[in-house]
Amino acid sequence: MGEWISVKDRLPECFAPVIVCRADGKVECGMRDINNWWKVYGTRTKRVTYWMDLPEPPKEDDNG
């Protein structure tokens, strides 16, 4: 999986789903909204401190 990126260093593209870490330490899925807001589980917040890209989905197994 990727490394945590500080929101002070770089931000993800708007509306791209990422993993976020809030100021209180909660790790959740979210996305950057407009005007430095974040949407996390349908709630808007500005308390995201770090983020990372989502991992690649698993590959289909041919043996299924």
PDB file of N, CA and C in Angstrom:
ATOM      1  N   MET A   1       0.861  -1.179   0.000  1.00  0.00           N
ATOM      2  CA  MET A   1       0.000   0.000   0.000  1.00  0.00           C
ATOM      3  C   MET A   1       0.902   1.236   0.000  1.00  0.00           C
ATOM      4  N   GLY A   2       0.337   2.374  -0.298  1.00  0.00           N
ATOM      5  CA  GLY A   2       1.095   3.610  -0.387  1.00  0.00           C
ATOM      6  C   GLY A   2       1.485   4.168   0.973  1.00  0.00           C
ATOM      7  N   GLU A   3       2.087   5.303   0.930  1.00  0.00           N
ATOM      8  CA  GLU A   3       2.514   6.003   2.138  1.00  0.00           C
ATOM      9  C   GLU A   3       1.543   7.130   2.453  1.00  0.00           C
ATOM     10  N   TRP A   4       1.452   7.502   3.722  1.00  0.00           N
ATOM     11  CA  TRP A   4       0.627   8.639   4.124  1.00  0.00           C
ATOM     12  C   TRP A   4       1.232   9.924   3.575  1.00  0.00           C
ATOM     13  N   ILE A   5       0.379  10.806   3.073  1.00  0.00           N
ATOM     14  CA  ILE A   5       0.799  12.096   2.521  1.00  0.00           C
ATOM     15  C   ILE A   5       0.129  13.189   3.343  1.00  0.00           C
ATOM     16  N   SER A   6       0.912  14.122   3.844  1.00  0.00           N
ATOM     17  CA  SER A   6       0.354  15.232   4.614  1.00  0.00           C
ATOM     18  C   SER A   6      -0.425  16.163   3.691  1.00  0.00           C
ATOM     19  N   VAL A   7      -1.550  16.661   4.166  1.00  0.00           N
ATOM     20  CA  VAL A   7      -2.320  17.626   3.361  1.00  0.00           C
ATOM     21  C   VAL A   7      -1.546  18.930   3.206  1.00  0.00           C
ATOM     22  N   LYS A   8      -0.523  19.139   4.019  1.00  0.00           N
ATOM     23  CA  LYS A   8       0.322  20.326   3.884  1.00  0.00           C
ATOM     24  C   LYS A   8       1.292  20.176   2.713  1.00  0.00           C
ATOM     25  N   ASP A   9       1.605  18.919   2.359  1.00  0.00           N
ATOM     26  CA  ASP A   9       2.548  18.661   1.272  1.00  0.00           C
ATOM     27  C   ASP A   9       1.870  18.576  -0.091  1.00  0.00           C
ATOM     28  N   ARG A  10       0.721  17.887  -0.141  1.00  0.00           N
ATOM     29  CA  ARG A  10       0.055  17.665  -1.428  1.00  0.00           C
ATOM     30  C   ARG A  10      -1.372  17.215  -1.167  1.00  0.00           C
ATOM     31  N   LEU A  11      -2.270  17.568  -2.069  1.00  0.00           N
ATOM     32  CA  LEU A  11      -3.670  17.169  -1.967  1.00  0.00           C
ATOM     33  C   LEU A  11      -4.037  16.256  -3.132  1.00  0.00           C
ATOM     34  N   PRO A  12      -4.975  15.331  -2.910  1.00  0.00           N
ATOM     35  CA  PRO A  12      -5.437  14.501  -4.029  1.00  0.00           C
ATOM     36  C   PRO A  12      -6.340  15.312  -4.948  1.00  0.00           C
ATOM     37  N   GLU A  13      -6.637  14.760  -6.110  1.00  0.00           N
ATOM     38  CA  GLU A  13      -7.581  15.408  -7.006  1.00  0.00           C
ATOM     39  C   GLU A  13      -8.946  15.487  -6.334  1.00  0.00           C
ATOM     40  N   CYS A  14      -9.705  16.521  -6.644  1.00  0.00           N
ATOM     41  CA  CYS A  14     -11.061  16.638  -6.100  1.00  0.00           C
ATOM     42  C   CYS A  14     -11.894  15.433  -6.523  1.00  0.00           C
ATOM     43  N   PHE A  15     -12.680  14.942  -5.606  1.00  0.00           N
ATOM     44  CA  PHE A  15     -13.649  13.866  -5.812  1.00  0.00           C
ATOM     45  C   PHE A  15     -13.032  12.502  -6.091  1.00  0.00           C
ATOM     46  N   ALA A  16     -11.706  12.352  -5.943  1.00  0.00           N
ATOM     47  CA  ALA A  16     -11.069  11.041  -6.087  1.00  0.00           C
ATOM     48  C   ALA A  16     -11.126  10.333  -4.733  1.00  0.00           C
ATOM     49  N   PRO A  17     -11.677   9.113  -4.652  1.00  0.00           N
ATOM     50  CA  PRO A  17     -11.733   8.419  -3.372  1.00  0.00           C
ATOM     51  C   PRO A  17     -10.332   8.053  -2.880  1.00  0.00           C
ATOM     52  N   VAL A  18     -10.079   8.343  -1.601  1.00  0.00           N
ATOM     53  CA  VAL A  18      -8.792   8.059  -0.965  1.00  0.00           C
ATOM     54  C   VAL A  18      -9.042   7.609   0.468  1.00  0.00           C
ATOM     55  N   ILE A  19      -8.009   7.128   1.123  1.00  0.00           N
ATOM     56  CA  ILE A  19      -8.059   6.828   2.549  1.00  0.00           C
ATOM     57  C   ILE A  19      -7.589   8.080   3.269  1.00  0.00           C
ATOM     58  N   VAL A  20      -8.338   8.518   4.286  1.00  0.00           N
ATOM     59  CA  VAL A  20      -7.978   9.734   5.013  1.00  0.00           C
ATOM     60  C   VAL A  20      -7.750   9.429   6.484  1.00  0.00           C
ATOM     61  N   CYS A  21      -6.918  10.228   7.108  1.00  0.00           N
ATOM     62  CA  CYS A  21      -6.712  10.187   8.556  1.00  0.00           C
ATOM     63  C   CYS A  21      -7.118  11.553   9.092  1.00  0.00           C
ATOM     64  N   ARG A  22      -8.078  11.533  10.004  1.00  0.00           N
ATOM     65  CA  ARG A  22      -8.546  12.796  10.595  1.00  0.00           C
ATOM     66  C   ARG A  22      -7.646  13.218  11.744  1.00  0.00           C
ATOM     67  N   ALA A  23      -7.818  14.434  12.190  1.00  0.00           N
ATOM     68  CA  ALA A  23      -7.018  14.982  13.286  1.00  0.00           C
ATOM     69  C   ALA A  23      -7.176  14.160  14.567  1.00  0.00           C
ATOM     70  N   ASP A  24      -8.328  13.490  14.739  1.00  0.00           N
ATOM     71  CA  ASP A  24      -8.543  12.681  15.945  1.00  0.00           C
ATOM     72  C   ASP A  24      -8.015  11.255  15.791  1.00  0.00           C
ATOM     73  N   GLY A  25      -7.360  10.944  14.657  1.00  0.00           N
ATOM     74  CA  GLY A  25      -6.757   9.634  14.449  1.00  0.00           C
ATOM     75  C   GLY A  25      -7.642   8.628  13.739  1.00  0.00           C
ATOM     76  N   LYS A  26      -8.901   8.968  13.451  1.00  0.00           N
ATOM     77  CA  LYS A  26      -9.777   8.043  12.731  1.00  0.00           C
ATOM     78  C   LYS A  26      -9.302   7.898  11.292  1.00  0.00           C
ATOM     79  N   VAL A  27      -9.280   6.654  10.812  1.00  0.00           N
ATOM     80  CA  VAL A  27      -8.900   6.361   9.437  1.00  0.00           C
ATOM     81  C   VAL A  27     -10.150   5.891   8.711  1.00  0.00           C
ATOM     82  N   GLU A  28     -10.478   6.565   7.610  1.00  0.00           N
ATOM     83  CA  GLU A  28     -11.720   6.315   6.897  1.00  0.00           C
ATOM     84  C   GLU A  28     -11.516   6.550   5.404  1.00  0.00           C
ATOM     85  N   CYS A  29     -12.507   6.194   4.626  1.00  0.00           N
ATOM     86  CA  CYS A  29     -12.493   6.499   3.198  1.00  0.00           C
ATOM     87  C   CYS A  29     -13.164   7.861   3.007  1.00  0.00           C
ATOM     88  N   GLY A  30     -12.621   8.680   2.127  1.00  0.00           N
ATOM     89  CA  GLY A  30     -13.196   9.987   1.882  1.00  0.00           C
ATOM     90  C   GLY A  30     -12.704  10.552   0.567  1.00  0.00           C
ATOM     91  N   MET A  31     -13.060  11.797   0.306  1.00  0.00           N
ATOM     92  CA  MET A  31     -12.597  12.477  -0.901  1.00  0.00           C
ATOM     93  C   MET A  31     -12.533  13.970  -0.647  1.00  0.00           C
ATOM     94  N   ARG A  32     -11.602  14.620  -1.352  1.00  0.00           N
ATOM     95  CA  ARG A  32     -11.483  16.071  -1.227  1.00  0.00           C
ATOM     96  C   ARG A  32     -12.603  16.718  -2.024  1.00  0.00           C
ATOM     97  N   ASP A  33     -13.279  17.638  -1.388  1.00  0.00           N
ATOM     98  CA  ASP A  33     -14.377  18.382  -1.987  1.00  0.00           C
ATOM     99  C   ASP A  33     -13.810  19.736  -2.434  1.00  0.00           C
ATOM    100  N   ILE A  34     -14.632  20.702  -2.663  1.00  0.00           N
ATOM    101  CA  ILE A  34     -14.170  22.018  -3.080  1.00  0.00           C
ATOM    102  C   ILE A  34     -13.848  22.891  -1.865  1.00  0.00           C
ATOM    103  N   ASN A  35     -13.027  23.901  -2.065  1.00  0.00           N
ATOM    104  CA  ASN A  35     -12.653  24.873  -1.036  1.00  0.00           C
ATOM    105  C   ASN A  35     -12.038  24.238   0.209  1.00  0.00           C
ATOM    106  N   ASN A  36     -11.165  23.238   0.005  1.00  0.00           N
ATOM    107  CA  ASN A  36     -10.444  22.562   1.082  1.00  0.00           C
ATOM    108  C   ASN A  36     -11.340  21.826   2.072  1.00  0.00           C
ATOM    109  N   TRP A  37     -12.545  21.496   1.676  1.00  0.00           N
ATOM    110  CA  TRP A  37     -13.415  20.636   2.479  1.00  0.00           C
ATOM    111  C   TRP A  37     -13.198  19.200   2.035  1.00  0.00           C
ATOM    112  N   TRP A  38     -13.508  18.262   2.914  1.00  0.00           N
ATOM    113  CA  TRP A  38     -13.426  16.839   2.629  1.00  0.00           C
ATOM    114  C   TRP A  38     -14.789  16.228   2.910  1.00  0.00           C
ATOM    115  N   LYS A  39     -15.175  15.242   2.108  1.00  0.00           N
ATOM    116  CA  LYS A  39     -16.379  14.459   2.378  1.00  0.00           C
ATOM    117  C   LYS A  39     -15.928  13.109   2.914  1.00  0.00           C
ATOM    118  N   VAL A  40     -16.352  12.794   4.131  1.00  0.00           N
ATOM    119  CA  VAL A  40     -16.018  11.528   4.764  1.00  0.00           C
ATOM    120  C   VAL A  40     -17.321  10.931   5.268  1.00  0.00           C
ATOM    121  N   TYR A  41     -17.727   9.809   4.693  1.00  0.00           N
ATOM    122  CA  TYR A  41     -18.999   9.158   5.046  1.00  0.00           C
ATOM    123  C   TYR A  41     -20.169  10.133   4.971  1.00  0.00           C
ATOM    124  N   GLY A  42     -20.208  10.968   3.948  1.00  0.00           N
ATOM    125  CA  GLY A  42     -21.318  11.883   3.739  1.00  0.00           C
ATOM    126  C   GLY A  42     -21.282  13.143   4.582  1.00  0.00           C
ATOM    127  N   THR A  43     -20.273  13.288   5.421  1.00  0.00           N
ATOM    128  CA  THR A  43     -20.125  14.467   6.272  1.00  0.00           C
ATOM    129  C   THR A  43     -18.992  15.330   5.726  1.00  0.00           C
ATOM    130  N   ARG A  44     -19.173  16.642   5.740  1.00  0.00           N
ATOM    131  CA  ARG A  44     -18.104  17.545   5.301  1.00  0.00           C
ATOM    132  C   ARG A  44     -17.254  17.947   6.503  1.00  0.00           C
ATOM    133  N   THR A  45     -15.938  17.928   6.332  1.00  0.00           N
ATOM    134  CA  THR A  45     -15.011  18.249   7.409  1.00  0.00           C
ATOM    135  C   THR A  45     -13.780  18.939   6.838  1.00  0.00           C
ATOM    136  N   LYS A  46     -13.074  19.649   7.675  1.00  0.00           N
ATOM    137  CA  LYS A  46     -11.773  20.221   7.312  1.00  0.00           C
ATOM    138  C   LYS A  46     -10.675  19.619   8.188  1.00  0.00           C
ATOM    139  N   ARG A  47     -10.998  18.580   8.947  1.00  0.00           N
ATOM    140  CA  ARG A  47     -10.073  18.019   9.928  1.00  0.00           C
ATOM    141  C   ARG A  47      -9.276  16.829   9.422  1.00  0.00           C
ATOM    142  N   VAL A  48      -9.053  16.740   8.117  1.00  0.00           N
ATOM    143  CA  VAL A  48      -8.209  15.686   7.556  1.00  0.00           C
ATOM    144  C   VAL A  48      -6.764  16.163   7.592  1.00  0.00           C
ATOM    145  N   THR A  49      -5.868  15.313   8.111  1.00  0.00           N
ATOM    146  CA  THR A  49      -4.462  15.686   8.228  1.00  0.00           C
ATOM    147  C   THR A  49      -3.560  14.933   7.253  1.00  0.00           C
ATOM    148  N   TYR A  50      -3.926  13.689   6.922  1.00  0.00           N
ATOM    149  CA  TYR A  50      -3.143  12.858   6.006  1.00  0.00           C
ATOM    150  C   TYR A  50      -4.085  12.092   5.097  1.00  0.00           C
ATOM    151  N   TRP A  51      -3.575  11.648   3.964  1.00  0.00           N
ATOM    152  CA  TRP A  51      -4.348  10.836   3.039  1.00  0.00           C
ATOM    153  C   TRP A  51      -3.410   9.904   2.290  1.00  0.00           C
ATOM    154  N   MET A  52      -3.974   8.865   1.673  1.00  0.00           N
ATOM    155  CA  MET A  52      -3.221   7.976   0.784  1.00  0.00           C
ATOM    156  C   MET A  52      -4.170   7.416  -0.263  1.00  0.00           C
ATOM    157  N   ASP A  53      -3.610   7.031  -1.407  1.00  0.00           N
ATOM    158  CA  ASP A  53      -4.412   6.428  -2.471  1.00  0.00           C
ATOM    159  C   ASP A  53      -4.984   5.094  -2.004  1.00  0.00           C
ATOM    160  N   LEU A  54      -6.130   4.717  -2.586  1.00  0.00           N
ATOM    161  CA  LEU A  54      -6.696   3.406  -2.328  1.00  0.00           C
ATOM    162  C   LEU A  54      -5.807   2.342  -2.964  1.00  0.00           C
ATOM    163  N   PRO A  55      -5.737   1.156  -2.386  1.00  0.00           N
ATOM    164  CA  PRO A  55      -4.941   0.091  -3.016  1.00  0.00           C
ATOM    165  C   PRO A  55      -5.659  -0.417  -4.277  1.00  0.00           C
ATOM    166  N   GLU A  56      -4.926  -1.105  -5.117  1.00  0.00           N
ATOM    167  CA  GLU A  56      -5.512  -1.720  -6.307  1.00  0.00           C
ATOM    168  C   GLU A  56      -6.453  -2.831  -5.862  1.00  0.00           C
ATOM    169  N   PRO A  57      -7.552  -3.035  -6.579  1.00  0.00           N
ATOM    170  CA  PRO A  57      -8.457  -4.146  -6.229  1.00  0.00           C
ATOM    171  C   PRO A  57      -7.768  -5.485  -6.504  1.00  0.00           C
ATOM    172  N   PRO A  58      -8.237  -6.551  -5.868  1.00  0.00           N
ATOM    173  CA  PRO A  58      -7.617  -7.860  -6.102  1.00  0.00           C
ATOM    174  C   PRO A  58      -7.832  -8.326  -7.543  1.00  0.00           C
ATOM    175  N   LYS A  59      -6.908  -9.095  -8.025  1.00  0.00           N
ATOM    176  CA  LYS A  59      -7.002  -9.670  -9.360  1.00  0.00           C
ATOM    177  C   LYS A  59      -7.913 -10.888  -9.310  1.00  0.00           C
ATOM    178  N   GLU A  60      -8.682 -11.108 -10.373  1.00  0.00           N
ATOM    179  CA  GLU A  60      -9.524 -12.305 -10.462  1.00  0.00           C
ATOM    180  C   GLU A  60      -8.628 -13.537 -10.550  1.00  0.00           C
ATOM    181  N   ASP A  61      -9.007 -14.565  -9.821  1.00  0.00           N
ATOM    182  CA  ASP A  61      -8.268 -15.830  -9.864  1.00  0.00           C
ATOM    183  C   ASP A  61      -8.906 -16.722 -10.924  1.00  0.00           C
ATOM    184  N   ASP A  62      -8.125 -17.180 -11.878  1.00  0.00           N
ATOM    185  CA  ASP A  62      -8.652 -18.027 -12.954  1.00  0.00           C
ATOM    186  C   ASP A  62      -9.174 -19.366 -12.447  1.00  0.00           C
ATOM    187  N   ASN A  63      -8.765 -19.752 -11.245  1.00  0.00           N
ATOM    188  CA  ASN A  63      -9.192 -21.041 -10.694  1.00  0.00           C
ATOM    189  C   ASN A  63     -10.540 -20.931  -9.993  1.00  0.00           C
ATOM    190  N   GLY A  64     -11.069 -19.701  -9.830  1.00  0.00           N
ATOM    191  CA  GLY A  64     -12.301 -19.305  -9.291  1.00  0.00           C
ATOM    192  C   GLY A  64     -13.054 -20.070  -8.377  1.00  0.00           C
TER     193      GLY A  64
END
